[in-house]
Amino acid sequence: MKKFLKILLSPVSLLLAVLIKIGAVITSISAIFLNIAAGLFVLVGVWCITQGNYLNMAICFVIAFLASPYGIPMFVIRILGFLQRIRYTILG
């Protein structure tokens, strides 16, 4: 029965493998641009501190955090990890 389910779910496993690979490539490429954007937002946030505009400073720092490796890219990596665990569960 287990072998039958593996054979039945092999297209799903293949699709997950392709999605994981594409997602990993897109994530690694976008991480470069997001790191640059995070650095620019930090610089703008520091500039806003010197101008006394604390609301824009807070907004820039939040956007910089989301663009940093601990923000949106980490969320995407966790989703890819979840998909990979599903794939390995299917393969058994």
PDB file of N, CA and C in Angstrom:
ATOM      1  N   MET A   1       0.824  -1.199   0.000  1.00  0.00           N
ATOM      2  CA  MET A   1       0.000   0.000   0.000  1.00  0.00           C
ATOM      3  C   MET A   1       0.864   1.258   0.000  1.00  0.00           C
ATOM      4  N   LYS A   2       1.981   1.191   0.776  1.00  0.00           N
ATOM      5  CA  LYS A   2       2.846   2.352   0.851  1.00  0.00           C
ATOM      6  C   LYS A   2       3.505   2.646  -0.493  1.00  0.00           C
ATOM      7  N   LYS A   3       3.908   1.601  -1.183  1.00  0.00           N
ATOM      8  CA  LYS A   3       4.521   1.778  -2.498  1.00  0.00           C
ATOM      9  C   LYS A   3       3.531   2.360  -3.499  1.00  0.00           C
ATOM     10  N   PHE A   4       2.294   1.936  -3.402  1.00  0.00           N
ATOM     11  CA  PHE A   4       1.253   2.451  -4.298  1.00  0.00           C
ATOM     12  C   PHE A   4       1.050   3.940  -4.075  1.00  0.00           C
ATOM     13  N   LEU A   5       1.044   4.383  -2.817  1.00  0.00           N
ATOM     14  CA  LEU A   5       0.883   5.811  -2.530  1.00  0.00           C
ATOM     15  C   LEU A   5       2.089   6.616  -3.023  1.00  0.00           C
ATOM     16  N   LYS A   6       3.294   6.043  -2.894  1.00  0.00           N
ATOM     17  CA  LYS A   6       4.479   6.734  -3.408  1.00  0.00           C
ATOM     18  C   LYS A   6       4.395   6.918  -4.916  1.00  0.00           C
ATOM     19  N   ILE A   7       3.951   5.873  -5.596  1.00  0.00           N
ATOM     20  CA  ILE A   7       3.817   5.955  -7.053  1.00  0.00           C
ATOM     21  C   ILE A   7       2.714   6.945  -7.425  1.00  0.00           C
ATOM     22  N   LEU A   8       1.638   6.933  -6.673  1.00  0.00           N
ATOM     23  CA  LEU A   8       0.519   7.830  -6.950  1.00  0.00           C
ATOM     24  C   LEU A   8       0.882   9.291  -6.706  1.00  0.00           C
ATOM     25  N   LEU A   9       1.700   9.529  -5.689  1.00  0.00           N
ATOM     26  CA  LEU A   9       2.063  10.898  -5.339  1.00  0.00           C
ATOM     27  C   LEU A   9       3.389  11.354  -5.941  1.00  0.00           C
ATOM     28  N   SER A  10       3.987  10.571  -6.810  1.00  0.00           N
ATOM     29  CA  SER A  10       5.259  10.963  -7.420  1.00  0.00           C
ATOM     30  C   SER A  10       5.145  12.236  -8.267  1.00  0.00           C
ATOM     31  N   PRO A  11       4.033  12.484  -9.012  1.00  0.00           N
ATOM     32  CA  PRO A  11       3.944  13.770  -9.722  1.00  0.00           C
ATOM     33  C   PRO A  11       3.894  14.965  -8.768  1.00  0.00           C
ATOM     34  N   VAL A  12       3.248  14.785  -7.634  1.00  0.00           N
ATOM     35  CA  VAL A  12       3.192  15.864  -6.638  1.00  0.00           C
ATOM     36  C   VAL A  12       4.590  16.119  -6.087  1.00  0.00           C
ATOM     37  N   SER A  13       5.323  15.054  -5.821  1.00  0.00           N
ATOM     38  CA  SER A  13       6.689  15.191  -5.327  1.00  0.00           C
ATOM     39  C   SER A  13       7.579  15.881  -6.347  1.00  0.00           C
ATOM     40  N   LEU A  14       7.423  15.545  -7.601  1.00  0.00           N
ATOM     41  CA  LEU A  14       8.195  16.190  -8.660  1.00  0.00           C
ATOM     42  C   LEU A  14       7.849  17.675  -8.765  1.00  0.00           C
ATOM     43  N   LEU A  15       6.574  17.988  -8.691  1.00  0.00           N
ATOM     44  CA  LEU A  15       6.147  19.387  -8.732  1.00  0.00           C
ATOM     45  C   LEU A  15       6.694  20.164  -7.552  1.00  0.00           C
ATOM     46  N   LEU A  16       6.679  19.577  -6.373  1.00  0.00           N
ATOM     47  CA  LEU A  16       7.243  20.236  -5.201  1.00  0.00           C
ATOM     48  C   LEU A  16       8.741  20.452  -5.356  1.00  0.00           C
ATOM     49  N   ALA A  17       9.437  19.490  -5.923  1.00  0.00           N
ATOM     50  CA  ALA A  17      10.881  19.633  -6.137  1.00  0.00           C
ATOM     51  C   ALA A  17      11.180  20.799  -7.072  1.00  0.00           C
ATOM     52  N   VAL A  18      10.413  20.913  -8.134  1.00  0.00           N
ATOM     53  CA  VAL A  18      10.609  22.008  -9.084  1.00  0.00           C
ATOM     54  C   VAL A  18      10.288  23.351  -8.428  1.00  0.00           C
ATOM     55  N   LEU A  19       9.195  23.412  -7.678  1.00  0.00           N
ATOM     56  CA  LEU A  19       8.831  24.659  -6.998  1.00  0.00           C
ATOM     57  C   LEU A  19       9.877  25.069  -5.968  1.00  0.00           C
ATOM     58  N   ILE A  20      10.433  24.103  -5.262  1.00  0.00           N
ATOM     59  CA  ILE A  20      11.456  24.407  -4.263  1.00  0.00           C
ATOM     60  C   ILE A  20      12.709  24.959  -4.932  1.00  0.00           C
ATOM     61  N   LYS A  21      13.127  24.346  -6.032  1.00  0.00           N
ATOM     62  CA  LYS A  21      14.319  24.822  -6.741  1.00  0.00           C
ATOM     63  C   LYS A  21      14.109  26.231  -7.305  1.00  0.00           C
ATOM     64  N   ILE A  22      12.967  26.462  -7.925  1.00  0.00           N
ATOM     65  CA  ILE A  22      12.669  27.795  -8.474  1.00  0.00           C
ATOM     66  C   ILE A  22      12.595  28.816  -7.360  1.00  0.00           C
ATOM     67  N   GLY A  23      11.945  28.467  -6.266  1.00  0.00           N
ATOM     68  CA  GLY A  23      11.844  29.380  -5.129  1.00  0.00           C
ATOM     69  C   GLY A  23      13.185  29.697  -4.512  1.00  0.00           C
ATOM     70  N   ALA A  24      14.076  28.705  -4.447  1.00  0.00           N
ATOM     71  CA  ALA A  24      15.407  28.940  -3.892  1.00  0.00           C
ATOM     72  C   ALA A  24      16.218  29.884  -4.770  1.00  0.00           C
ATOM     73  N   VAL A  25      16.123  29.706  -6.079  1.00  0.00           N
ATOM     74  CA  VAL A  25      16.855  30.591  -6.996  1.00  0.00           C
ATOM     75  C   VAL A  25      16.311  32.016  -6.917  1.00  0.00           C
ATOM     76  N   ILE A  26      15.006  32.155  -6.925  1.00  0.00           N
ATOM     77  CA  ILE A  26      14.396  33.489  -6.853  1.00  0.00           C
ATOM     78  C   ILE A  26      14.731  34.161  -5.530  1.00  0.00           C
ATOM     79  N   THR A  27      14.718  33.397  -4.446  1.00  0.00           N
ATOM     80  CA  THR A  27      15.034  33.960  -3.138  1.00  0.00           C
ATOM     81  C   THR A  27      16.475  34.426  -3.063  1.00  0.00           C
ATOM     82  N   SER A  28      17.397  33.643  -3.606  1.00  0.00           N
ATOM     83  CA  SER A  28      18.803  34.046  -3.541  1.00  0.00           C
ATOM     84  C   SER A  28      19.083  35.271  -4.405  1.00  0.00           C
ATOM     85  N   ILE A  29      18.419  35.361  -5.546  1.00  0.00           N
ATOM     86  CA  ILE A  29      18.607  36.543  -6.402  1.00  0.00           C
ATOM     87  C   ILE A  29      17.964  37.776  -5.774  1.00  0.00           C
ATOM     88  N   SER A  30      16.767  37.625  -5.246  1.00  0.00           N
ATOM     89  CA  SER A  30      16.084  38.781  -4.666  1.00  0.00           C
ATOM     90  C   SER A  30      16.732  39.233  -3.371  1.00  0.00           C
ATOM     91  N   ALA A  31      17.446  38.338  -2.681  1.00  0.00           N
ATOM     92  CA  ALA A  31      18.109  38.727  -1.434  1.00  0.00           C
ATOM     93  C   ALA A  31      19.167  39.795  -1.685  1.00  0.00           C
ATOM     94  N   ILE A  32      19.823  39.730  -2.827  1.00  0.00           N
ATOM     95  CA  ILE A  32      20.831  40.737  -3.158  1.00  0.00           C
ATOM     96  C   ILE A  32      20.186  42.114  -3.259  1.00  0.00           C
ATOM     97  N   PHE A  33      19.094  42.209  -3.987  1.00  0.00           N
ATOM     98  CA  PHE A  33      18.431  43.498  -4.180  1.00  0.00           C
ATOM     99  C   PHE A  33      17.763  43.974  -2.891  1.00  0.00           C
ATOM    100  N   LEU A  34      17.227  43.049  -2.112  1.00  0.00           N
ATOM    101  CA  LEU A  34      16.601  43.441  -0.856  1.00  0.00           C
ATOM    102  C   LEU A  34      17.629  43.941   0.155  1.00  0.00           C
ATOM    103  N   ASN A  35      18.831  43.368   0.141  1.00  0.00           N
ATOM    104  CA  ASN A  35      19.880  43.866   1.033  1.00  0.00           C
ATOM    105  C   ASN A  35      20.291  45.283   0.663  1.00  0.00           C
ATOM    106  N   ILE A  36      20.380  45.557  -0.618  1.00  0.00           N
ATOM    107  CA  ILE A  36      20.706  46.914  -1.064  1.00  0.00           C
ATOM    108  C   ILE A  36      19.597  47.874  -0.650  1.00  0.00           C
ATOM    109  N   ALA A  37      18.346  47.452  -0.843  1.00  0.00           N
ATOM    110  CA  ALA A  37      17.217  48.305  -0.455  1.00  0.00           C
ATOM    111  C   ALA A  37      17.192  48.531   1.054  1.00  0.00           C
ATOM    112  N   ALA A  38      17.508  47.506   1.822  1.00  0.00           N
ATOM    113  CA  ALA A  38      17.529  47.660   3.280  1.00  0.00           C
ATOM    114  C   ALA A  38      18.590  48.673   3.700  1.00  0.00           C
ATOM    115  N   GLY A  39      19.755  48.589   3.070  1.00  0.00           N
ATOM    116  CA  GLY A  39      20.802  49.564   3.377  1.00  0.00           C
ATOM    117  C   GLY A  39      20.395  50.980   3.042  1.00  0.00           C
ATOM    118  N   LEU A  40      19.723  51.151   1.914  1.00  0.00           N
ATOM    119  CA  LEU A  40      19.267  52.495   1.536  1.00  0.00           C
ATOM    120  C   LEU A  40      18.208  53.023   2.504  1.00  0.00           C
ATOM    121  N   PHE A  41      17.299  52.156   2.936  1.00  0.00           N
ATOM    122  CA  PHE A  41      16.279  52.589   3.887  1.00  0.00           C
ATOM    123  C   PHE A  41      16.884  52.928   5.245  1.00  0.00           C
ATOM    124  N   VAL A  42      17.928  52.232   5.644  1.00  0.00           N
ATOM    125  CA  VAL A  42      18.608  52.588   6.894  1.00  0.00           C
ATOM    126  C   VAL A  42      19.252  53.959   6.764  1.00  0.00           C
ATOM    127  N   LEU A  43      19.882  54.212   5.633  1.00  0.00           N
ATOM    128  CA  LEU A  43      20.491  55.533   5.429  1.00  0.00           C
ATOM    129  C   LEU A  43      19.446  56.647   5.442  1.00  0.00           C
ATOM    130  N   VAL A  44      18.315  56.407   4.798  1.00  0.00           N
ATOM    131  CA  VAL A  44      17.243  57.403   4.796  1.00  0.00           C
ATOM    132  C   VAL A  44      16.686  57.574   6.208  1.00  0.00           C
ATOM    133  N   GLY A  45      16.600  56.474   6.955  1.00  0.00           N
ATOM    134  CA  GLY A  45      16.120  56.562   8.338  1.00  0.00           C
ATOM    135  C   GLY A  45      17.056  57.386   9.206  1.00  0.00           C
ATOM    136  N   VAL A  46      18.357  57.194   9.023  1.00  0.00           N
ATOM    137  CA  VAL A  46      19.329  57.991   9.780  1.00  0.00           C
ATOM    138  C   VAL A  46      19.233  59.455   9.381  1.00  0.00           C
ATOM    139  N   TRP A  47      19.039  59.704   8.101  1.00  0.00           N
ATOM    140  CA  TRP A  47      18.878  61.085   7.643  1.00  0.00           C
ATOM    141  C   TRP A  47      17.619  61.706   8.254  1.00  0.00           C
ATOM    142  N   CYS A  48      16.556  60.922   8.387  1.00  0.00           N
ATOM    143  CA  CYS A  48      15.316  61.433   8.998  1.00  0.00           C
ATOM    144  C   CYS A  48      15.518  61.761  10.466  1.00  0.00           C
ATOM    145  N   ILE A  49      16.408  61.030  11.146  1.00  0.00           N
ATOM    146  CA  ILE A  49      16.707  61.360  12.543  1.00  0.00           C
ATOM    147  C   ILE A  49      17.344  62.731  12.629  1.00  0.00           C
ATOM    148  N   THR A  50      18.269  63.012  11.716  1.00  0.00           N
ATOM    149  CA  THR A  50      18.936  64.322  11.753  1.00  0.00           C
ATOM    150  C   THR A  50      17.975  65.451  11.424  1.00  0.00           C
ATOM    151  N   GLN A  51      16.916  65.165  10.685  1.00  0.00           N
ATOM    152  CA  GLN A  51      15.928  66.185  10.340  1.00  0.00           C
ATOM    153  C   GLN A  51      14.848  66.315  11.406  1.00  0.00           C
ATOM    154  N   GLY A  52      14.796  65.383  12.347  1.00  0.00           N
ATOM    155  CA  GLY A  52      13.791  65.425  13.400  1.00  0.00           C
ATOM    156  C   GLY A  52      12.457  64.832  13.000  1.00  0.00           C
ATOM    157  N   ASN A  53      12.410  64.114  11.909  1.00  0.00           N
ATOM    158  CA  ASN A  53      11.172  63.508  11.426  1.00  0.00           C
ATOM    159  C   ASN A  53      11.143  62.050  11.888  1.00  0.00           C
ATOM    160  N   TYR A  54      10.629  61.827  13.106  1.00  0.00           N
ATOM    161  CA  TYR A  54      10.723  60.516  13.729  1.00  0.00           C
ATOM    162  C   TYR A  54       9.709  59.524  13.165  1.00  0.00           C
ATOM    163  N   LEU A  55       8.601  59.980  12.642  1.00  0.00           N
ATOM    164  CA  LEU A  55       7.630  59.068  12.049  1.00  0.00           C
ATOM    165  C   LEU A  55       8.213  58.430  10.782  1.00  0.00           C
ATOM    166  N   ASN A  56       8.796  59.240   9.918  1.00  0.00           N
ATOM    167  CA  ASN A  56       9.415  58.695   8.709  1.00  0.00           C
ATOM    168  C   ASN A  56      10.617  57.813   9.052  1.00  0.00           C
ATOM    169  N   MET A  57      11.332  58.169  10.130  1.00  0.00           N
ATOM    170  CA  MET A  57      12.447  57.344  10.577  1.00  0.00           C
ATOM    171  C   MET A  57      11.959  55.954  10.963  1.00  0.00           C
ATOM    172  N   ALA A  58      10.883  55.892  11.724  1.00  0.00           N
ATOM    173  CA  ALA A  58      10.343  54.600  12.146  1.00  0.00           C
ATOM    174  C   ALA A  58       9.858  53.790  10.946  1.00  0.00           C
ATOM    175  N   ILE A  59       9.205  54.459  10.014  1.00  0.00           N
ATOM    176  CA  ILE A  59       8.719  53.781   8.808  1.00  0.00           C
ATOM    177  C   ILE A  59       9.891  53.223   8.002  1.00  0.00           C
ATOM    178  N   CYS A  60      10.946  54.009   7.847  1.00  0.00           N
ATOM    179  CA  CYS A  60      12.117  53.548   7.086  1.00  0.00           C
ATOM    180  C   CYS A  60      12.792  52.371   7.774  1.00  0.00           C
ATOM    181  N   PHE A  61      12.884  52.406   9.097  1.00  0.00           N
ATOM    182  CA  PHE A  61      13.527  51.299   9.796  1.00  0.00           C
ATOM    183  C   PHE A  61      12.688  50.028   9.740  1.00  0.00           C
ATOM    184  N   VAL A  62      11.369  50.146   9.763  1.00  0.00           N
ATOM    185  CA  VAL A  62      10.510  48.963   9.640  1.00  0.00           C
ATOM    186  C   VAL A  62      10.645  48.364   8.238  1.00  0.00           C
ATOM    187  N   ILE A  63      10.648  49.216   7.222  1.00  0.00           N
ATOM    188  CA  ILE A  63      10.818  48.714   5.850  1.00  0.00           C
ATOM    189  C   ILE A  63      12.205  48.093   5.686  1.00  0.00           C
ATOM    190  N   ALA A  64      13.224  48.705   6.296  1.00  0.00           N
ATOM    191  CA  ALA A  64      14.572  48.137   6.225  1.00  0.00           C
ATOM    192  C   ALA A  64      14.620  46.772   6.904  1.00  0.00           C
ATOM    193  N   PHE A  65      13.921  46.615   8.018  1.00  0.00           N
ATOM    194  CA  PHE A  65      13.892  45.307   8.677  1.00  0.00           C
ATOM    195  C   PHE A  65      13.197  44.276   7.807  1.00  0.00           C
ATOM    196  N   LEU A  66      12.091  44.650   7.178  1.00  0.00           N
ATOM    197  CA  LEU A  66      11.376  43.707   6.323  1.00  0.00           C
ATOM    198  C   LEU A  66      12.211  43.305   5.110  1.00  0.00           C
ATOM    199  N   ALA A  67      13.028  44.213   4.601  1.00  0.00           N
ATOM    200  CA  ALA A  67      13.861  43.907   3.446  1.00  0.00           C
ATOM    201  C   ALA A  67      15.159  43.208   3.839  1.00  0.00           C
ATOM    202  N   SER A  68      15.496  43.222   5.119  1.00  0.00           N
ATOM    203  CA  SER A  68      16.727  42.580   5.579  1.00  0.00           C
ATOM    204  C   SER A  68      16.573  41.059   5.528  1.00  0.00           C
ATOM    205  N   PRO A  69      17.663  40.331   5.716  1.00  0.00           N
ATOM    206  CA  PRO A  69      17.567  38.858   5.677  1.00  0.00           C
ATOM    207  C   PRO A  69      16.673  38.262   6.763  1.00  0.00           C
ATOM    208  N   TYR A  70      16.329  39.020   7.793  1.00  0.00           N
ATOM    209  CA  TYR A  70      15.472  38.500   8.856  1.00  0.00           C
ATOM    210  C   TYR A  70      14.001  38.823   8.640  1.00  0.00           C
ATOM    211  N   GLY A  71      13.659  39.501   7.587  1.00  0.00           N
ATOM    212  CA  GLY A  71      12.271  39.878   7.329  1.00  0.00           C
ATOM    213  C   GLY A  71      11.609  38.943   6.339  1.00  0.00           C
ATOM    214  N   ILE A  72      11.245  39.492   5.205  1.00  0.00           N
ATOM    215  CA  ILE A  72      10.517  38.740   4.182  1.00  0.00           C
ATOM    216  C   ILE A  72      11.330  37.556   3.632  1.00  0.00           C
ATOM    217  N   PRO A  73      12.646  37.697   3.377  1.00  0.00           N
ATOM    218  CA  PRO A  73      13.377  36.516   2.876  1.00  0.00           C
ATOM    219  C   PRO A  73      13.350  35.335   3.855  1.00  0.00           C
ATOM    220  N   MET A  74      13.409  35.592   5.153  1.00  0.00           N
ATOM    221  CA  MET A  74      13.353  34.494   6.121  1.00  0.00           C
ATOM    222  C   MET A  74      11.986  33.815   6.095  1.00  0.00           C
ATOM    223  N   PHE A  75      10.936  34.607   5.909  1.00  0.00           N
ATOM    224  CA  PHE A  75       9.589  34.044   5.797  1.00  0.00           C
ATOM    225  C   PHE A  75       9.489  33.125   4.583  1.00  0.00           C
ATOM    226  N   VAL A  76      10.048  33.558   3.467  1.00  0.00           N
ATOM    227  CA  VAL A  76      10.022  32.738   2.247  1.00  0.00           C
ATOM    228  C   VAL A  76      10.850  31.470   2.432  1.00  0.00           C
ATOM    229  N   ILE A  77      11.985  31.580   3.106  1.00  0.00           N
ATOM    230  CA  ILE A  77      12.820  30.403   3.358  1.00  0.00           C
ATOM    231  C   ILE A  77      12.082  29.406   4.239  1.00  0.00           C
ATOM    232  N   ARG A  78      11.334  29.896   5.214  1.00  0.00           N
ATOM    233  CA  ARG A  78      10.550  28.988   6.055  1.00  0.00           C
ATOM    234  C   ARG A  78       9.452  28.286   5.252  1.00  0.00           C
ATOM    235  N   ILE A  79       8.830  29.001   4.327  1.00  0.00           N
ATOM    236  CA  ILE A  79       7.817  28.375   3.465  1.00  0.00           C
ATOM    237  C   ILE A  79       8.461  27.300   2.594  1.00  0.00           C
ATOM    238  N   LEU A  80       9.640  27.591   2.028  1.00  0.00           N
ATOM    239  CA  LEU A  80      10.339  26.597   1.213  1.00  0.00           C
ATOM    240  C   LEU A  80      10.735  25.378   2.054  1.00  0.00           C
ATOM    241  N   GLY A  81      11.143  25.612   3.283  1.00  0.00           N
ATOM    242  CA  GLY A  81      11.460  24.497   4.165  1.00  0.00           C
ATOM    243  C   GLY A  81      10.247  23.638   4.469  1.00  0.00           C
ATOM    244  N   PHE A  82       9.096  24.284   4.651  1.00  0.00           N
ATOM    245  CA  PHE A  82       7.855  23.546   4.887  1.00  0.00           C
ATOM    246  C   PHE A  82       7.493  22.693   3.676  1.00  0.00           C
ATOM    247  N   LEU A  83       7.637  23.256   2.474  1.00  0.00           N
ATOM    248  CA  LEU A  83       7.366  22.488   1.255  1.00  0.00           C
ATOM    249  C   LEU A  83       8.336  21.320   1.108  1.00  0.00           C
ATOM    250  N   GLN A  84       9.583  21.530   1.504  1.00  0.00           N
ATOM    251  CA  GLN A  84      10.555  20.456   1.416  1.00  0.00           C
ATOM    252  C   GLN A  84      10.235  19.341   2.419  1.00  0.00           C
ATOM    253  N   ARG A  85       9.764  19.703   3.612  1.00  0.00           N
ATOM    254  CA  ARG A  85       9.362  18.665   4.573  1.00  0.00           C
ATOM    255  C   ARG A  85       8.186  17.867   4.049  1.00  0.00           C
ATOM    256  N   ILE A  86       7.237  18.551   3.380  1.00  0.00           N
ATOM    257  CA  ILE A  86       6.111  17.828   2.782  1.00  0.00           C
ATOM    258  C   ILE A  86       6.603  16.858   1.721  1.00  0.00           C
ATOM    259  N   ARG A  87       7.541  17.309   0.908  1.00  0.00           N
ATOM    260  CA  ARG A  87       8.082  16.453  -0.159  1.00  0.00           C
ATOM    261  C   ARG A  87       8.763  15.212   0.434  1.00  0.00           C
ATOM    262  N   TYR A  88       9.576  15.421   1.456  1.00  0.00           N
ATOM    263  CA  TYR A  88      10.263  14.278   2.057  1.00  0.00           C
ATOM    264  C   TYR A  88       9.306  13.352   2.794  1.00  0.00           C
ATOM    265  N   THR A  89       8.202  13.890   3.299  1.00  0.00           N
ATOM    266  CA  THR A  89       7.189  13.046   3.904  1.00  0.00           C
ATOM    267  C   THR A  89       6.516  12.179   2.851  1.00  0.00           C
ATOM    268  N   ILE A  90       6.282  12.763   1.683  1.00  0.00           N
ATOM    269  CA  ILE A  90       5.674  11.987   0.598  1.00  0.00           C
ATOM    270  C   ILE A  90       6.620  10.880   0.135  1.00  0.00           C
ATOM    271  N   LEU A  91       7.920  11.208   0.029  1.00  0.00           N
ATOM    272  CA  LEU A  91       8.881  10.215  -0.425  1.00  0.00           C
ATOM    273  C   LEU A  91       9.115   9.126   0.623  1.00  0.00           C
ATOM    274  N   GLY A  92       8.887   9.467   1.868  1.00  0.00           N
ATOM    275  CA  GLY A  92       8.920   8.507   2.963  1.00  0.00           C
ATOM    276  C   GLY A  92      10.244   7.963   3.264  1.00  0.00           C
TER     277      GLY A  92
END
